[in-house]
Amino acid sequence: MEMHCPRCSSEHPYEDGGLWVCPECGHEWSAHAPAEQAAEDEQSVVRDANGTVLADGDSVTVIKDLKIKGASQVIKGGTKVRGIRLVDGGGGHNIACRIAGLGDMNLKSEFVKKA
């Protein structure tokens, strides 16, 4: 069985203990659990309310009015947010951004759509 690196497709990975190691990109993976790796990669993908994949630097539009926890202000539906950053925030908040007039905050991807 010839193994290829799942990240860079190198033909030169080698087995080290229970892991495979790519000498070109340094990626390590288990040959015994490719389904687990695929599931983990799928979970790390952030999608908007319509299922579109989001990436760092994208612009998004808020799809409904959102109350800001601990404040009397709201983010109005239709507000455009530029230059988002994908983060692994607590409570399902996976987008970090700066909203004009409100400052830095985290949003859930289920309440935005890609602009």
Protein backbone atom coordinates (compact mmCIF):
# COMPACT_ATOMS: atom_id res chain seq x y z
CA MET A 1 0.00 0.00 0.00
CA GLU A 2 1.52 3.28 -1.11
CA MET A 3 0.66 6.15 1.24
CA HIS A 4 0.35 9.81 0.19
CA CYS A 5 0.22 12.83 2.48
CA PRO A 6 -3.42 13.99 2.80
CA ARG A 7 -2.32 17.61 3.13
CA CYS A 8 0.28 18.09 0.36
CA SER A 9 -0.04 14.78 -1.60
CA SER A 10 3.66 14.02 -1.15
CA GLU A 11 4.69 10.49 -2.15
CA HIS A 12 7.38 10.31 0.57
CA PRO A 13 5.67 9.87 3.95
CA TYR A 14 7.15 7.40 6.41
CA GLU A 15 5.72 5.49 9.34
CA ASP A 16 6.91 6.50 12.81
CA GLY A 17 5.36 4.37 15.54
CA GLY A 18 1.61 4.49 14.99
CA LEU A 19 1.68 7.68 12.90
CA TRP A 20 2.58 8.56 9.34
CA VAL A 21 4.80 11.64 8.91
CA CYS A 22 5.29 13.76 5.80
CA PRO A 23 8.90 15.02 5.50
CA GLU A 24 7.85 17.80 3.11
CA CYS A 25 5.10 19.57 5.07
CA GLY A 26 5.50 18.01 8.54
CA HIS A 27 1.90 16.77 8.70
CA GLU A 28 1.29 13.74 10.97
CA TRP A 29 -1.73 11.45 10.73
CA SER A 30 -2.96 8.02 11.74
CA ALA A 31 -3.41 5.50 8.94
CA HIS A 32 -5.93 3.62 11.09
CA ALA A 33 -8.51 6.41 11.32
CA PRO A 34 -8.99 8.21 7.98
CA ALA A 35 -12.74 8.51 8.64
CA GLU A 36 -12.06 10.23 11.97
CA GLN A 37 -9.70 12.69 10.24
CA ALA A 38 -12.29 13.46 7.56
CA ALA A 39 -14.94 14.04 10.24
CA GLU A 40 -12.58 16.33 12.16
CA ASP A 41 -11.79 18.32 8.99
CA GLU A 42 -15.52 18.64 8.25
CA GLN A 43 -16.21 19.95 11.77
CA SER A 44 -13.55 22.64 11.42
CA VAL A 45 -15.30 24.09 8.34
CA VAL A 46 -17.42 27.14 9.22
CA ARG A 47 -20.60 27.60 7.19
CA ASP A 48 -23.07 30.50 7.10
CA ALA A 49 -26.86 30.25 7.42
CA ASN A 50 -27.14 29.18 3.76
CA GLY A 51 -24.42 26.51 4.00
CA THR A 52 -21.74 28.55 2.20
CA VAL A 53 -18.21 27.95 3.50
CA LEU A 54 -16.70 31.01 5.21
CA ALA A 55 -13.01 31.95 5.32
CA ASP A 56 -10.90 34.56 7.12
CA GLY A 57 -11.29 37.99 5.52
CA ASP A 58 -14.77 37.38 4.08
CA SER A 59 -17.55 39.93 4.31
CA VAL A 60 -20.85 38.80 5.79
CA THR A 61 -24.30 40.27 6.38
CA VAL A 62 -26.25 39.75 9.61
CA ILE A 63 -29.58 38.09 8.74
CA LYS A 64 -31.66 39.09 11.78
CA ASP A 65 -31.60 41.52 14.69
CA LEU A 66 -29.23 40.25 17.39
CA LYS A 67 -29.30 41.39 20.99
CA ILE A 68 -25.88 42.14 22.45
CA LYS A 69 -25.46 40.35 25.75
CA GLY A 70 -24.93 42.80 28.61
CA ALA A 71 -25.90 45.87 26.56
CA SER A 72 -29.08 47.61 25.53
CA GLN A 73 -27.99 47.80 21.87
CA VAL A 74 -28.81 45.42 19.02
CA ILE A 75 -27.09 44.51 15.78
CA LYS A 76 -29.68 45.21 13.10
CA GLY A 77 -30.42 42.63 10.43
CA GLY A 78 -28.73 43.68 7.17
CA THR A 79 -25.61 45.02 8.91
CA LYS A 80 -22.57 44.29 6.74
CA VAL A 81 -19.42 43.11 8.52
CA ARG A 82 -16.09 43.14 6.66
CA GLY A 83 -12.90 41.22 7.35
CA ILE A 84 -14.15 38.47 9.65
CA ARG A 85 -11.79 36.09 11.46
CA LEU A 86 -12.74 32.49 12.12
CA VAL A 87 -12.11 31.50 15.73
CA ASP A 88 -12.94 28.65 18.05
CA GLY A 89 -14.86 30.79 20.52
CA GLY A 90 -16.96 29.60 23.40
CA GLY A 91 -20.69 29.03 23.19
CA GLY A 92 -20.70 28.44 19.44
CA HIS A 93 -19.36 31.90 18.59
CA ASN A 94 -17.03 31.12 15.71
CA ILE A 95 -16.64 34.52 14.01
CA ALA A 96 -14.62 37.39 15.47
CA CYS A 97 -15.24 40.79 13.91
CA ARG A 98 -15.41 44.54 14.42
CA ILE A 99 -18.77 46.21 13.86
CA ALA A 100 -18.78 49.96 13.24
CA GLY A 101 -20.23 51.81 16.23
CA LEU A 102 -20.26 48.71 18.42
CA GLY A 103 -16.64 47.50 18.50
CA ASP A 104 -15.09 44.04 18.63
CA MET A 105 -17.40 41.08 19.18
CA ASN A 106 -18.00 37.43 18.37
CA LEU A 107 -20.90 36.14 16.27
CA LYS A 108 -22.37 32.74 15.51
CA SER A 109 -22.11 31.76 11.84
CA GLU A 110 -25.74 30.61 11.83
CA PHE A 111 -26.85 34.28 12.00
CA VAL A 112 -24.86 35.57 9.01
CA LYS A 113 -24.73 35.03 5.27
CA LYS A 114 -21.77 35.58 2.99
CA ALA A 115 -21.95 38.95 1.24
